[in-house]
Every structure is written in structure tokens, then in C-alpha cells.
Amino acid sequence: QVQLVESGGGLVQAGDSLRLSCTASDGTFSSYSMLWFRQCPGKEREFVASIGWSRSITSYVDSVKGRFTISRDNAKNTAYLQMNGLRPEDTAVYYCAAGWKPFYTPTSAQDAMNSWGKGTLVTVSS
């Protein structure tokens, strides 16, 4: 089971940008789709974005389209979530996950994942 470690969270102001990273522990990284989820205070965890094996297939929740970009660098075993135009409602713990399927939609992202990271906190002040 691949181990995932997120980094890059922090406290920012509304309108600022952050880039989250998710680094995998071994060279099987390219065999997984990578996903980002978030859990806002008092709410259930929700899908944010996914990127398939091929890197050309991406999917986003409507609330982040046009602001967030998911990418991956298989040579570095790392997935990224570039977050621009952050809003207070983006405040959450962000988790990355690795999935077996070649790509995920917001619906299929509810399926079981192979691995989860422990999360990184993003706080956006108004």
C-alpha cells in the first residue's frame, strides 16, 4: 500500500494562492490516479479534484473549477493542487488519496481508495 504525505497547507488571506503537494512513498505512484478531498469544519469530507494515470484526464468539483488545478509529476512521485483565489469557505483539512482506476469522476471518487494521506490544514481568513 503506497504511503502518501501531504504538505503545503497554511494560513492565508482571501484571494491568496497556495500549492499543496502529495508525495508517495514508492515508485508505484504512476499506476494510481490521484485525488484531493477536503473536510470543512462540521462537514463531511468532499471530493475536490482528480487526475488520472495519463495526466490528461482531470475532474473538479464545481466550487473550485477555474480556481484550482490538479497536476502530477510521476518522476517525483508527487501530485499537486494549485489553489488560486482562495475563499474563506475553502478552509478545510485537505487530503490526498490514491485510487486504482485510470481516472475518477466526482461520482466514482466516492469509491474506496487504495491509500490516504493524513491531511494538511488550509485556513483562509477574510
Protein backbone atom coordinates (compact mmCIF):
# COMPACT_ATOMS: atom_id res chain seq x y z
CA GLN A 1 0.00 0.00 0.00
CA VAL A 2 1.53 3.28 -1.08
CA GLN A 3 2.09 5.83 1.69
CA LEU A 4 1.06 9.43 1.00
CA VAL A 5 2.24 12.61 2.71
CA GLU A 6 0.65 15.99 2.12
CA SER A 7 2.35 19.34 2.61
CA GLY A 8 1.89 22.99 1.75
CA GLY A 9 -1.05 23.95 3.92
CA GLY A 10 -1.13 27.12 5.97
CA LEU A 11 -2.91 30.33 6.88
CA VAL A 12 -3.59 32.75 4.04
CA GLN A 13 -5.89 35.64 3.28
CA ALA A 14 -8.81 35.57 0.90
CA GLY A 15 -7.60 35.91 -2.67
CA ASP A 16 -4.21 34.37 -1.97
CA SER A 17 -2.77 31.20 -3.50
CA LEU A 18 -1.33 28.00 -2.10
CA ARG A 19 0.11 24.88 -3.66
CA LEU A 20 -0.41 21.60 -1.90
CA SER A 21 1.84 18.63 -2.55
CA CYS A 22 1.23 14.94 -2.05
CA THR A 23 4.31 12.73 -2.20
CA ALA A 24 4.11 8.95 -2.50
CA SER A 25 6.50 6.58 -0.82
CA ASP A 26 7.38 4.39 -3.75
CA GLY A 27 7.67 4.09 -7.48
CA THR A 28 4.18 2.69 -8.00
CA PHE A 29 2.85 6.27 -7.99
CA SER A 30 2.35 6.37 -11.76
CA SER A 31 0.00 3.39 -11.51
CA TYR A 32 -2.56 5.33 -9.48
CA SER A 33 -5.00 8.07 -10.13
CA MET A 34 -4.51 10.83 -7.58
CA LEU A 35 -7.31 12.69 -5.89
CA TRP A 36 -7.73 15.56 -3.46
CA PHE A 37 -10.53 15.71 -0.92
CA ARG A 38 -11.26 18.20 1.81
CA GLN A 39 -13.17 18.25 5.04
CA CYS A 40 -14.50 21.56 6.22
CA PRO A 41 -15.27 22.09 9.91
CA GLY A 42 -18.51 20.37 10.81
CA LYS A 43 -18.99 18.86 7.36
CA GLU A 44 -18.37 15.56 5.63
CA ARG A 45 -15.31 15.01 3.51
CA GLU A 46 -15.88 16.05 -0.09
CA PHE A 47 -14.18 15.40 -3.41
CA VAL A 48 -12.16 18.33 -4.77
CA ALA A 49 -10.18 17.15 -7.81
CA SER A 50 -8.72 14.11 -9.52
CA ILE A 51 -6.10 13.36 -12.13
CA GLY A 52 -5.83 10.08 -13.98
CA TRP A 53 -2.86 7.95 -14.89
CA SER A 54 -2.38 9.80 -18.15
CA ARG A 55 -2.40 13.29 -16.57
CA SER A 56 -4.68 14.48 -19.36
CA ILE A 57 -7.89 13.49 -17.57
CA THR A 58 -8.84 15.74 -14.71
CA SER A 59 -12.05 16.37 -12.84
CA TYR A 60 -13.12 19.03 -10.34
CA VAL A 61 -15.97 19.81 -8.02
CA ASP A 62 -17.92 22.76 -9.37
CA SER A 63 -17.00 25.07 -6.50
CA VAL A 64 -13.28 25.05 -7.39
CA LYS A 65 -13.43 24.99 -11.20
CA GLY A 66 -11.38 27.81 -12.65
CA ARG A 67 -9.55 28.39 -9.35
CA PHE A 68 -7.85 25.08 -8.53
CA THR A 69 -5.60 23.00 -10.78
CA ILE A 70 -4.51 19.43 -10.12
CA SER A 71 -1.31 18.10 -11.66
CA ARG A 72 1.21 15.34 -11.16
CA ASP A 73 4.90 14.72 -11.70
CA ASN A 74 5.46 10.98 -11.94
CA ALA A 75 9.24 11.41 -11.90
CA LYS A 76 8.91 12.97 -8.44
CA ASN A 77 6.11 10.68 -7.22
CA THR A 78 4.18 13.83 -6.39
CA ALA A 79 0.74 15.24 -7.07
CA TYR A 80 -0.10 18.91 -6.66
CA LEU A 81 -3.13 21.05 -6.05
CA GLN A 82 -2.60 24.67 -7.08
CA MET A 83 -5.23 26.78 -5.36
CA ASN A 84 -5.77 30.34 -6.54
CA GLY A 85 -8.35 32.88 -5.48
CA LEU A 86 -8.83 31.21 -2.13
CA ARG A 87 -12.01 31.94 -0.22
CA PRO A 88 -12.88 31.53 3.45
CA GLU A 89 -15.17 28.64 2.50
CA ASP A 90 -12.11 26.77 1.20
CA THR A 91 -10.91 26.44 4.79
CA ALA A 92 -10.54 22.71 5.42
CA VAL A 93 -8.20 19.85 6.01
CA TYR A 94 -7.09 18.69 2.58
CA TYR A 95 -6.37 15.01 1.98
CA CYS A 96 -4.80 13.30 -0.98
CA ALA A 97 -5.72 9.78 -1.99
CA ALA A 98 -4.53 7.18 -4.49
CA GLY A 99 -7.04 5.17 -6.47
CA TRP A 100 -6.81 2.07 -8.63
CA LYS A 101 -8.97 3.25 -11.51
CA PRO A 102 -7.42 5.00 -14.56
CA PHE A 103 -9.46 8.11 -13.74
CA TYR A 104 -12.21 9.26 -11.40
CA THR A 105 -15.25 11.43 -11.78
CA PRO A 106 -16.86 13.24 -8.83
CA THR A 107 -19.26 10.29 -8.58
CA SER A 108 -16.74 7.46 -8.81
CA ALA A 109 -14.50 9.33 -6.35
CA GLN A 110 -16.85 8.03 -3.66
CA ASP A 111 -15.43 4.53 -4.25
CA ALA A 112 -12.86 3.08 -1.90
CA MET A 113 -9.35 4.42 -2.33
CA ASN A 114 -6.10 2.48 -2.10
CA SER A 115 -4.41 4.94 0.24
CA TRP A 116 -4.98 8.18 2.08
CA GLY A 117 -2.67 10.81 3.45
CA LYS A 118 -3.12 12.30 6.90
CA GLY A 119 -4.11 15.71 5.64
CA THR A 120 -2.85 19.27 5.66
CA LEU A 121 -4.80 22.22 7.07
CA VAL A 122 -5.65 25.19 4.90
CA THR A 123 -7.12 28.22 6.63
CA VAL A 124 -8.35 31.19 4.63
CA SER A 125 -9.10 34.37 6.54
CA SER A 126 -11.48 37.02 5.24
